[in-house]
Amino acid sequence: MQSGRSSARFILLLITAVLGISGTAFYVFYIKNRAAGNEAGSRILELKDTVSGKIYNRWTLEEGSEFSMEFIHSVNMSPVRETFFVEADMIRLKSLRFYSYGAGIPSHLEESWALSRDGDAMLITGFNSLFKEINFMAGTVSEYLLFINGETLILGRDGNTRLTLSLK
């Protein structure tokens, strides 16, 4: 640990001398962000209340890491699972798994999409949708389940909770 601090101090002195920037600015913008998990390939996924801005949780995700959200469809009352993964600075929709068509479930396939079976469910893959954040309302019909880093979280127990998942 000590050698890492010595290296950081040396780099700080070198950059300060060469660029004339203050050591404090370097620390805030570089060393602090590395410690928070923002090194190359890592991103922070943040879950917050859309209305109040209250942050519920943050997770460090590597490039290619996946997470899923599952909810009960309000019309056909069957589970729908959306799986996403981290791609550069964005969230990419990987797949949509569902048991029955209903409002919001695509009824025709775009050119890049593929439809297959996954047991009793249908699975659409090949999406080109990229997001910086995902806004949703949990708890309208049932809670949302968030599957991330081996955890399962229940969202929206209070009903009609507006939430945002954003990549930082």
Foldseek 3Di string as FASTA:
>chain_A
DVVVVVVLVVVLVVCCVPVVDDSVVCCVPPVVCVVVQNDPQKWKKWKAQPPPRHTDDIDIDGAFFKKKKWDQDPPPRWIKIWMWGHHGQWIFTFKIKTQDDDPPDDPDDDPQWDWDDDDNIIMIGRDPDIHQKDKDFAAQPHWMWMQGPNDTDTHAPVHRTIMMIGID
